[in-house]
mmCIF file of all heavy atoms, coordinates in Angstrom:
data_MODEL
# 
_entry.id   MODEL 
# 
loop_
_atom_site.group_PDB 
_atom_site.id 
_atom_site.type_symbol 
_atom_site.label_atom_id 
_atom_site.label_alt_id 
_atom_site.label_comp_id 
_atom_site.label_asym_id 
_atom_site.label_entity_id 
_atom_site.label_seq_id 
_atom_site.pdbx_PDB_ins_code 
_atom_site.Cartn_x 
_atom_site.Cartn_y 
_atom_site.Cartn_z 
_atom_site.occupancy 
_atom_site.B_iso_or_equiv 
_atom_site.pdbx_formal_charge 
_atom_site.auth_seq_id 
_atom_site.auth_comp_id 
_atom_site.auth_asym_id 
_atom_site.auth_atom_id 
_atom_site.pdbx_PDB_model_num 
ATOM 1   N N   . GLN A 1 1  ? 142.050 88.379 159.620 1.00 0.00 ? 1  GLN A N   1 
ATOM 2   C CA  . GLN A 1 1  ? 143.329 88.948 160.022 1.00 0.00 ? 1  GLN A CA  1 
ATOM 3   C C   . GLN A 1 1  ? 143.781 88.478 161.403 1.00 0.00 ? 1  GLN A C   1 
ATOM 4   O O   . GLN A 1 1  ? 144.934 88.694 161.780 1.00 0.00 ? 1  GLN A O   1 
ATOM 5   C CB  . GLN A 1 1  ? 143.232 90.475 160.006 1.00 0.00 ? 1  GLN A CB  1 
ATOM 6   C CG  . GLN A 1 1  ? 143.100 91.057 158.601 1.00 0.00 ? 1  GLN A CG  1 
ATOM 7   C CD  . GLN A 1 1  ? 142.729 92.533 158.612 1.00 0.00 ? 1  GLN A CD  1 
ATOM 8   O OE1 . GLN A 1 1  ? 142.624 93.160 159.672 1.00 0.00 ? 1  GLN A OE1 1 
ATOM 9   N NE2 . GLN A 1 1  ? 142.511 93.103 157.430 1.00 0.00 ? 1  GLN A NE2 1 
ATOM 10  N N   . LEU A 1 2  ? 142.906 87.816 162.130 1.00 0.00 ? 2  LEU A N   1 
ATOM 11  C CA  . LEU A 1 2  ? 143.277 87.338 163.457 1.00 0.00 ? 2  LEU A CA  1 
ATOM 12  C C   . LEU A 1 2  ? 144.304 86.207 163.338 1.00 0.00 ? 2  LEU A C   1 
ATOM 13  O O   . LEU A 1 2  ? 144.137 85.287 162.533 1.00 0.00 ? 2  LEU A O   1 
ATOM 14  C CB  . LEU A 1 2  ? 142.038 86.845 164.206 1.00 0.00 ? 2  LEU A CB  1 
ATOM 15  C CG  . LEU A 1 2  ? 140.977 87.915 164.512 1.00 0.00 ? 2  LEU A CG  1 
ATOM 16  C CD1 . LEU A 1 2  ? 139.719 87.274 165.074 1.00 0.00 ? 2  LEU A CD1 1 
ATOM 17  C CD2 . LEU A 1 2  ? 141.539 88.954 165.492 1.00 0.00 ? 2  LEU A CD2 1 
ATOM 18  N N   . PRO A 1 3  ? 145.367 86.222 164.130 1.00 0.00 ? 3  PRO A N   1 
ATOM 19  C CA  . PRO A 1 3  ? 146.458 85.246 163.960 1.00 0.00 ? 3  PRO A CA  1 
ATOM 20  C C   . PRO A 1 3  ? 146.050 83.806 164.242 1.00 0.00 ? 3  PRO A C   1 
ATOM 21  O O   . PRO A 1 3  ? 146.687 82.874 163.740 1.00 0.00 ? 3  PRO A O   1 
ATOM 22  C CB  . PRO A 1 3  ? 147.514 85.734 164.953 1.00 0.00 ? 3  PRO A CB  1 
ATOM 23  C CG  . PRO A 1 3  ? 146.762 86.549 165.954 1.00 0.00 ? 3  PRO A CG  1 
ATOM 24  C CD  . PRO A 1 3  ? 145.650 87.204 165.198 1.00 0.00 ? 3  PRO A CD  1 
ATOM 25  N N   . TYR A 1 4  ? 145.012 83.587 165.028 1.00 0.00 ? 4  TYR A N   1 
ATOM 26  C CA  . TYR A 1 4  ? 144.613 82.231 165.385 1.00 0.00 ? 4  TYR A CA  1 
ATOM 27  C C   . TYR A 1 4  ? 143.523 81.674 164.466 1.00 0.00 ? 4  TYR A C   1 
ATOM 28  O O   . TYR A 1 4  ? 143.076 80.527 164.634 1.00 0.00 ? 4  TYR A O   1 
ATOM 29  C CB  . TYR A 1 4  ? 144.137 82.170 166.836 1.00 0.00 ? 4  TYR A CB  1 
ATOM 30  C CG  . TYR A 1 4  ? 143.117 83.229 167.201 1.00 0.00 ? 4  TYR A CG  1 
ATOM 31  C CD1 . TYR A 1 4  ? 141.765 83.056 166.943 1.00 0.00 ? 4  TYR A CD1 1 
ATOM 32  C CD2 . TYR A 1 4  ? 143.518 84.420 167.808 1.00 0.00 ? 4  TYR A CD2 1 
ATOM 33  C CE1 . TYR A 1 4  ? 140.828 84.021 167.280 1.00 0.00 ? 4  TYR A CE1 1 
ATOM 34  C CE2 . TYR A 1 4  ? 142.603 85.398 168.142 1.00 0.00 ? 4  TYR A CE2 1 
ATOM 35  C CZ  . TYR A 1 4  ? 141.264 85.194 167.877 1.00 0.00 ? 4  TYR A CZ  1 
ATOM 36  O OH  . TYR A 1 4  ? 140.345 86.164 168.203 1.00 0.00 ? 4  TYR A OH  1 
ATOM 37  N N   . VAL A 1 5  ? 143.089 82.448 163.484 1.00 0.00 ? 5  VAL A N   1 
ATOM 38  C CA  . VAL A 1 5  ? 142.070 81.994 162.535 1.00 0.00 ? 5  VAL A CA  1 
ATOM 39  C C   . VAL A 1 5  ? 142.744 81.425 161.286 1.00 0.00 ? 5  VAL A C   1 
ATOM 40  O O   . VAL A 1 5  ? 143.515 82.111 160.606 1.00 0.00 ? 5  VAL A O   1 
ATOM 41  C CB  . VAL A 1 5  ? 141.115 83.141 162.151 1.00 0.00 ? 5  VAL A CB  1 
ATOM 42  C CG1 . VAL A 1 5  ? 140.195 82.719 161.005 1.00 0.00 ? 5  VAL A CG1 1 
ATOM 43  C CG2 . VAL A 1 5  ? 140.287 83.562 163.367 1.00 0.00 ? 5  VAL A CG2 1 
ATOM 44  N N   . ALA A 1 6  ? 142.478 80.161 160.999 1.00 0.00 ? 6  ALA A N   1 
ATOM 45  C CA  . ALA A 1 6  ? 143.053 79.516 159.817 1.00 0.00 ? 6  ALA A CA  1 
ATOM 46  C C   . ALA A 1 6  ? 142.262 79.859 158.561 1.00 0.00 ? 6  ALA A C   1 
ATOM 47  O O   . ALA A 1 6  ? 142.841 80.017 157.472 1.00 0.00 ? 6  ALA A O   1 
ATOM 48  C CB  . ALA A 1 6  ? 143.078 77.999 160.006 1.00 0.00 ? 6  ALA A CB  1 
ATOM 49  N N   . TRP A 1 7  ? 140.934 79.957 158.709 1.00 0.00 ? 7  TRP A N   1 
ATOM 50  C CA  . TRP A 1 7  ? 140.078 80.275 157.557 1.00 0.00 ? 7  TRP A CA  1 
ATOM 51  C C   . TRP A 1 7  ? 138.725 80.724 158.071 1.00 0.00 ? 7  TRP A C   1 
ATOM 52  O O   . TRP A 1 7  ? 138.249 80.267 159.119 1.00 0.00 ? 7  TRP A O   1 
ATOM 53  C CB  . TRP A 1 7  ? 139.899 79.045 156.657 1.00 0.00 ? 7  TRP A CB  1 
ATOM 54  C CG  . TRP A 1 7  ? 139.000 79.289 155.472 1.00 0.00 ? 7  TRP A CG  1 
ATOM 55  C CD1 . TRP A 1 7  ? 139.338 79.874 154.295 1.00 0.00 ? 7  TRP A CD1 1 
ATOM 56  C CD2 . TRP A 1 7  ? 137.612 78.961 155.367 1.00 0.00 ? 7  TRP A CD2 1 
ATOM 57  N NE1 . TRP A 1 7  ? 138.246 79.939 153.456 1.00 0.00 ? 7  TRP A NE1 1 
ATOM 58  C CE2 . TRP A 1 7  ? 137.174 79.373 154.085 1.00 0.00 ? 7  TRP A CE2 1 
ATOM 59  C CE3 . TRP A 1 7  ? 136.688 78.359 156.217 1.00 0.00 ? 7  TRP A CE3 1 
ATOM 60  C CZ2 . TRP A 1 7  ? 135.855 79.209 153.644 1.00 0.00 ? 7  TRP A CZ2 1 
ATOM 61  C CZ3 . TRP A 1 7  ? 135.373 78.189 155.785 1.00 0.00 ? 7  TRP A CZ3 1 
ATOM 62  C CH2 . TRP A 1 7  ? 134.974 78.607 154.526 1.00 0.00 ? 7  TRP A CH2 1 
ATOM 63  N N   . ALA A 1 8  ? 138.116 81.636 157.336 1.00 0.00 ? 8  ALA A N   1 
ATOM 64  C CA  . ALA A 1 8  ? 136.750 82.058 157.641 1.00 0.00 ? 8  ALA A CA  1 
ATOM 65  C C   . ALA A 1 8  ? 136.020 82.299 156.329 1.00 0.00 ? 8  ALA A C   1 
ATOM 66  O O   . ALA A 1 8  ? 136.596 82.822 155.381 1.00 0.00 ? 8  ALA A O   1 
ATOM 67  C CB  . ALA A 1 8  ? 136.744 83.324 158.499 1.00 0.00 ? 8  ALA A CB  1 
ATOM 68  N N   . GLY A 1 9  ? 134.763 81.855 156.285 1.00 0.00 ? 9  GLY A N   1 
ATOM 69  C CA  . GLY A 1 9  ? 133.989 82.025 155.058 1.00 0.00 ? 9  GLY A CA  1 
ATOM 70  C C   . GLY A 1 9  ? 132.507 81.924 155.323 1.00 0.00 ? 9  GLY A C   1 
ATOM 71  O O   . GLY A 1 9  ? 132.068 81.517 156.411 1.00 0.00 ? 9  GLY A O   1 
ATOM 72  N N   . ILE A 1 10 ? 131.723 82.309 154.339 1.00 0.00 ? 10 ILE A N   1 
ATOM 73  C CA  . ILE A 1 10 ? 130.279 82.239 154.433 1.00 0.00 ? 10 ILE A CA  1 
ATOM 74  C C   . ILE A 1 10 ? 129.836 80.795 154.651 1.00 0.00 ? 10 ILE A C   1 
ATOM 75  O O   . ILE A 1 10 ? 130.503 79.859 154.182 1.00 0.00 ? 10 ILE A O   1 
ATOM 76  C CB  . ILE A 1 10 ? 129.638 82.820 153.147 1.00 0.00 ? 10 ILE A CB  1 
ATOM 77  C CG1 . ILE A 1 10 ? 128.142 83.098 153.351 1.00 0.00 ? 10 ILE A CG1 1 
ATOM 78  C CG2 . ILE A 1 10 ? 129.860 81.891 151.972 1.00 0.00 ? 10 ILE A CG2 1 
ATOM 79  C CD1 . ILE A 1 10 ? 127.526 83.903 152.210 1.00 0.00 ? 10 ILE A CD1 1 
ATOM 80  N N   . TYR A 1 11 ? 128.774 80.581 155.402 1.00 0.00 ? 11 TYR A N   1 
ATOM 81  C CA  . TYR A 1 11 ? 128.261 79.227 155.601 1.00 0.00 ? 11 TYR A CA  1 
ATOM 82  C C   . TYR A 1 11 ? 127.750 78.718 154.264 1.00 0.00 ? 11 TYR A C   1 
ATOM 83  O O   . TYR A 1 11 ? 126.789 79.243 153.709 1.00 0.00 ? 11 TYR A O   1 
ATOM 84  C CB  . TYR A 1 11 ? 127.143 79.214 156.633 1.00 0.00 ? 11 TYR A CB  1 
ATOM 85  C CG  . TYR A 1 11 ? 126.701 77.823 157.027 1.00 0.00 ? 11 TYR A CG  1 
ATOM 86  C CD1 . TYR A 1 11 ? 127.409 77.092 157.974 1.00 0.00 ? 11 TYR A CD1 1 
ATOM 87  C CD2 . TYR A 1 11 ? 125.589 77.227 156.438 1.00 0.00 ? 11 TYR A CD2 1 
ATOM 88  C CE1 . TYR A 1 11 ? 127.009 75.811 158.336 1.00 0.00 ? 11 TYR A CE1 1 
ATOM 89  C CE2 . TYR A 1 11 ? 125.187 75.957 156.790 1.00 0.00 ? 11 TYR A CE2 1 
ATOM 90  C CZ  . TYR A 1 11 ? 125.897 75.250 157.735 1.00 0.00 ? 11 TYR A CZ  1 
ATOM 91  O OH  . TYR A 1 11 ? 125.498 73.972 158.082 1.00 0.00 ? 11 TYR A OH  1 
ATOM 92  N N   . PRO A 1 12 ? 128.367 77.665 153.690 1.00 0.00 ? 12 PRO A N   1 
ATOM 93  C CA  . PRO A 1 12 ? 128.061 77.275 152.311 1.00 0.00 ? 12 PRO A CA  1 
ATOM 94  C C   . PRO A 1 12 ? 126.805 76.409 152.200 1.00 0.00 ? 12 PRO A C   1 
ATOM 95  O O   . PRO A 1 12 ? 126.608 75.490 152.989 1.00 0.00 ? 12 PRO A O   1 
ATOM 96  C CB  . PRO A 1 12 ? 129.299 76.483 151.892 1.00 0.00 ? 12 PRO A CB  1 
ATOM 97  C CG  . PRO A 1 12 ? 129.852 75.939 153.165 1.00 0.00 ? 12 PRO A CG  1 
ATOM 98  C CD  . PRO A 1 12 ? 129.486 76.901 154.262 1.00 0.00 ? 12 PRO A CD  1 
ATOM 99  N N   . LYS A 1 13 ? 125.987 76.719 151.207 1.00 0.00 ? 13 LYS A N   1 
ATOM 100 C CA  . LYS A 1 13 ? 124.802 75.883 150.991 1.00 0.00 ? 13 LYS A CA  1 
ATOM 101 C C   . LYS A 1 13 ? 125.207 74.487 150.520 1.00 0.00 ? 13 LYS A C   1 
ATOM 102 O O   . LYS A 1 13 ? 124.411 73.539 150.600 1.00 0.00 ? 13 LYS A O   1 
ATOM 103 C CB  . LYS A 1 13 ? 123.864 76.528 149.983 1.00 0.00 ? 13 LYS A CB  1 
ATOM 104 C CG  . LYS A 1 13 ? 124.375 76.566 148.556 1.00 0.00 ? 13 LYS A CG  1 
ATOM 105 C CD  . LYS A 1 13 ? 123.334 77.147 147.620 1.00 0.00 ? 13 LYS A CD  1 
ATOM 106 C CE  . LYS A 1 13 ? 123.819 77.117 146.161 1.00 0.00 ? 13 LYS A CE  1 
ATOM 107 N NZ  . LYS A 1 13 ? 122.805 77.678 145.236 1.00 0.00 ? 13 LYS A NZ  1 
ATOM 108 N N   . GLN A 1 14 ? 126.452 74.325 150.065 1.00 0.00 ? 14 GLN A N   1 
ATOM 109 C CA  . GLN A 1 14 ? 126.928 73.023 149.580 1.00 0.00 ? 14 GLN A CA  1 
ATOM 110 C C   . GLN A 1 14 ? 126.998 71.969 150.681 1.00 0.00 ? 14 GLN A C   1 
ATOM 111 O O   . GLN A 1 14 ? 127.104 70.776 150.385 1.00 0.00 ? 14 GLN A O   1 
ATOM 112 C CB  . GLN A 1 14 ? 128.307 73.180 148.930 1.00 0.00 ? 14 GLN A CB  1 
ATOM 113 C CG  . GLN A 1 14 ? 128.296 73.883 147.584 1.00 0.00 ? 14 GLN A CG  1 
ATOM 114 C CD  . GLN A 1 14 ? 128.222 75.399 147.709 1.00 0.00 ? 14 GLN A CD  1 
ATOM 115 O OE1 . GLN A 1 14 ? 128.315 75.950 148.819 1.00 0.00 ? 14 GLN A OE1 1 
ATOM 116 N NE2 . GLN A 1 14 ? 128.082 76.091 146.594 1.00 0.00 ? 14 GLN A NE2 1 
ATOM 117 N N   . VAL A 1 15 ? 126.988 72.384 151.950 1.00 0.00 ? 15 VAL A N   1 
ATOM 118 C CA  . VAL A 1 15 ? 127.031 71.401 153.033 1.00 0.00 ? 15 VAL A CA  1 
ATOM 119 C C   . VAL A 1 15 ? 125.641 71.108 153.592 1.00 0.00 ? 15 VAL A C   1 
ATOM 120 O O   . VAL A 1 15 ? 125.493 70.280 154.488 1.00 0.00 ? 15 VAL A O   1 
ATOM 121 C CB  . VAL A 1 15 ? 127.949 71.873 154.191 1.00 0.00 ? 15 VAL A CB  1 
ATOM 122 C CG1 . VAL A 1 15 ? 129.346 72.152 153.689 1.00 0.00 ? 15 VAL A CG1 1 
ATOM 123 C CG2 . VAL A 1 15 ? 127.370 73.094 154.906 1.00 0.00 ? 15 VAL A CG2 1 
ATOM 124 N N   . LYS A 1 16 ? 124.627 71.761 153.079 1.00 0.00 ? 16 LYS A N   1 
ATOM 125 C CA  . LYS A 1 16 ? 123.313 71.692 153.719 1.00 0.00 ? 16 LYS A CA  1 
ATOM 126 C C   . LYS A 1 16 ? 122.540 70.410 153.425 1.00 0.00 ? 16 LYS A C   1 
ATOM 127 O O   . LYS A 1 16 ? 121.782 69.931 154.271 1.00 0.00 ? 16 LYS A O   1 
ATOM 128 C CB  . LYS A 1 16 ? 122.478 72.902 153.326 1.00 0.00 ? 16 LYS A CB  1 
ATOM 129 C CG  . LYS A 1 16 ? 122.996 74.228 153.884 1.00 0.00 ? 16 LYS A CG  1 
ATOM 130 C CD  . LYS A 1 16 ? 122.035 75.360 153.585 1.00 0.00 ? 16 LYS A CD  1 
ATOM 131 C CE  . LYS A 1 16 ? 122.519 76.685 154.169 1.00 0.00 ? 16 LYS A CE  1 
ATOM 132 N NZ  . LYS A 1 16 ? 121.552 77.776 153.947 1.00 0.00 ? 16 LYS A NZ  1 
ATOM 133 N N   . VAL A 1 17 ? 122.672 69.861 152.221 1.00 0.00 ? 17 VAL A N   1 
ATOM 134 C CA  . VAL A 1 17 ? 121.848 68.716 151.841 1.00 0.00 ? 17 VAL A CA  1 
ATOM 135 C C   . VAL A 1 17 ? 122.610 67.414 152.100 1.00 0.00 ? 17 VAL A C   1 
ATOM 136 O O   . VAL A 1 17 ? 123.718 67.216 151.588 1.00 0.00 ? 17 VAL A O   1 
ATOM 137 C CB  . VAL A 1 17 ? 121.434 68.800 150.358 1.00 0.00 ? 17 VAL A CB  1 
ATOM 138 C CG1 . VAL A 1 17 ? 120.557 67.610 149.981 1.00 0.00 ? 17 VAL A CG1 1 
ATOM 139 C CG2 . VAL A 1 17 ? 120.694 70.111 150.077 1.00 0.00 ? 17 VAL A CG2 1 
ATOM 140 N N   . GLU A 1 18 ? 122.017 66.538 152.890 1.00 0.00 ? 18 GLU A N   1 
ATOM 141 C CA  . GLU A 1 18 ? 122.640 65.252 153.193 1.00 0.00 ? 18 GLU A CA  1 
ATOM 142 C C   . GLU A 1 18 ? 122.909 64.479 151.899 1.00 0.00 ? 18 GLU A C   1 
ATOM 143 O O   . GLU A 1 18 ? 122.068 64.453 150.997 1.00 0.00 ? 18 GLU A O   1 
ATOM 144 C CB  . GLU A 1 18 ? 121.716 64.443 154.104 1.00 0.00 ? 18 GLU A CB  1 
ATOM 145 C CG  . GLU A 1 18 ? 122.304 63.135 154.577 1.00 0.00 ? 18 GLU A CG  1 
ATOM 146 C CD  . GLU A 1 18 ? 121.326 62.338 155.422 1.00 0.00 ? 18 GLU A CD  1 
ATOM 147 O OE1 . GLU A 1 18 ? 120.111 62.561 155.331 1.00 0.00 ? 18 GLU A OE1 1 
ATOM 148 O OE2 . GLU A 1 18 ? 121.805 61.468 156.182 1.00 0.00 ? 18 GLU A OE2 1 
ATOM 149 N N   . PRO A 1 19 ? 124.073 63.831 151.784 1.00 0.00 ? 19 PRO A N   1 
ATOM 150 C CA  . PRO A 1 19 ? 124.412 63.145 150.537 1.00 0.00 ? 19 PRO A CA  1 
ATOM 151 C C   . PRO A 1 19 ? 123.360 62.160 150.044 1.00 0.00 ? 19 PRO A C   1 
ATOM 152 O O   . PRO A 1 19 ? 123.129 62.049 148.844 1.00 0.00 ? 19 PRO A O   1 
ATOM 153 C CB  . PRO A 1 19 ? 125.728 62.425 150.897 1.00 0.00 ? 19 PRO A CB  1 
ATOM 154 C CG  . PRO A 1 19 ? 126.350 63.296 151.933 1.00 0.00 ? 19 PRO A CG  1 
ATOM 155 C CD  . PRO A 1 19 ? 125.197 63.832 152.736 1.00 0.00 ? 19 PRO A CD  1 
ATOM 156 N N   . VAL A 1 20 ? 122.697 61.434 150.979 1.00 0.00 ? 20 VAL A N   1 
ATOM 157 C CA  . VAL A 1 20 ? 121.709 60.448 150.537 1.00 0.00 ? 20 VAL A CA  1 
ATOM 158 C C   . VAL A 1 20 ? 120.549 61.103 149.798 1.00 0.00 ? 20 VAL A C   1 
ATOM 159 O O   . VAL A 1 20 ? 119.908 60.483 148.950 1.00 0.00 ? 20 VAL A O   1 
ATOM 160 C CB  . VAL A 1 20 ? 121.192 59.623 151.743 1.00 0.00 ? 20 VAL A CB  1 
ATOM 161 C CG1 . VAL A 1 20 ? 120.315 60.477 152.651 1.00 0.00 ? 20 VAL A CG1 1 
ATOM 162 C CG2 . VAL A 1 20 ? 120.442 58.387 151.273 1.00 0.00 ? 20 VAL A CG2 1 
ATOM 163 N N   . LEU A 1 21 ? 120.292 62.381 150.063 1.00 0.00 ? 21 LEU A N   1 
ATOM 164 C CA  . LEU A 1 21 ? 119.214 63.089 149.373 1.00 0.00 ? 21 LEU A CA  1 
ATOM 165 C C   . LEU A 1 21 ? 119.632 63.535 147.979 1.00 0.00 ? 21 LEU A C   1 
ATOM 166 O O   . LEU A 1 21 ? 118.794 63.956 147.185 1.00 0.00 ? 21 LEU A O   1 
ATOM 167 C CB  . LEU A 1 21 ? 118.765 64.304 150.194 1.00 0.00 ? 21 LEU A CB  1 
ATOM 168 C CG  . LEU A 1 21 ? 118.030 63.979 151.491 1.00 0.00 ? 21 LEU A CG  1 
ATOM 169 C CD1 . LEU A 1 21 ? 117.824 65.244 152.319 1.00 0.00 ? 21 LEU A CD1 1 
ATOM 170 C CD2 . LEU A 1 21 ? 116.686 63.326 151.199 1.00 0.00 ? 21 LEU A CD2 1 
ATOM 171 N N   . LYS A 1 22 ? 120.928 63.447 147.701 1.00 0.00 ? 22 LYS A N   1 
ATOM 172 C CA  . LYS A 1 22 ? 121.416 63.805 146.375 1.00 0.00 ? 22 LYS A CA  1 
ATOM 173 C C   . LYS A 1 22 ? 121.496 62.593 145.460 1.00 0.00 ? 22 LYS A C   1 
ATOM 174 O O   . LYS A 1 22 ? 121.719 62.732 144.254 1.00 0.00 ? 22 LYS A O   1 
ATOM 175 C CB  . LYS A 1 22 ? 122.809 64.431 146.479 1.00 0.00 ? 22 LYS A CB  1 
ATOM 176 C CG  . LYS A 1 22 ? 122.870 65.679 147.357 1.00 0.00 ? 22 LYS A CG  1 
ATOM 177 C CD  . LYS A 1 22 ? 124.307 66.145 147.507 1.00 0.00 ? 22 LYS A CD  1 
ATOM 178 C CE  . LYS A 1 22 ? 124.425 67.312 148.468 1.00 0.00 ? 22 LYS A CE  1 
ATOM 179 N NZ  . LYS A 1 22 ? 125.827 67.738 148.670 1.00 0.00 ? 22 LYS A NZ  1 
ATOM 180 N N   . ALA A 1 23 ? 121.361 61.390 146.028 1.00 0.00 ? 23 ALA A N   1 
ATOM 181 C CA  . ALA A 1 23 ? 121.453 60.156 145.245 1.00 0.00 ? 23 ALA A CA  1 
ATOM 182 C C   . ALA A 1 23 ? 120.083 59.817 144.695 1.00 0.00 ? 23 ALA A C   1 
ATOM 183 O O   . ALA A 1 23 ? 119.087 59.855 145.408 1.00 0.00 ? 23 ALA A O   1 
ATOM 184 C CB  . ALA A 1 23 ? 121.966 59.013 146.116 1.00 0.00 ? 23 ALA A CB  1 
ATOM 185 N N   . HIS A 1 24 ? 120.020 59.489 143.412 1.00 0.00 ? 24 HIS A N   1 
ATOM 186 C CA  . HIS A 1 24 ? 118.740 59.230 142.764 1.00 0.00 ? 24 HIS A CA  1 
ATOM 187 C C   . HIS A 1 24 ? 118.746 57.864 142.098 1.00 0.00 ? 24 HIS A C   1 
ATOM 188 O O   . HIS A 1 24 ? 119.770 57.401 141.600 1.00 0.00 ? 24 HIS A O   1 
ATOM 189 C CB  . HIS A 1 24 ? 118.435 60.305 141.725 1.00 0.00 ? 24 HIS A CB  1 
ATOM 190 C CG  . HIS A 1 24 ? 118.494 61.688 142.288 1.00 0.00 ? 24 HIS A CG  1 
ATOM 191 N ND1 . HIS A 1 24 ? 117.602 62.140 143.218 1.00 0.00 ? 24 HIS A ND1 1 
ATOM 192 C CD2 . HIS A 1 24 ? 119.370 62.712 142.083 1.00 0.00 ? 24 HIS A CD2 1 
ATOM 193 C CE1 . HIS A 1 24 ? 117.902 63.392 143.549 1.00 0.00 ? 24 HIS A CE1 1 
ATOM 194 N NE2 . HIS A 1 24 ? 118.976 63.753 142.884 1.00 0.00 ? 24 HIS A NE2 1 
ATOM 195 N N   . GLY A 1 25 ? 117.581 57.247 142.085 1.00 0.00 ? 25 GLY A N   1 
ATOM 196 C CA  . GLY A 1 25 ? 117.440 55.955 141.418 1.00 0.00 ? 25 GLY A CA  1 
ATOM 197 C C   . GLY A 1 25 ? 117.587 54.808 142.396 1.00 0.00 ? 25 GLY A C   1 
ATOM 198 O O   . GLY A 1 25 ? 118.221 54.932 143.443 1.00 0.00 ? 25 GLY A O   1 
# 
């Protein structure tokens, strides 16, 4: 509700794993 906040949300686990660790093969 603060006027200067554009967005607020839970810290997502989707940002935790570096992309290279998701690549296989």
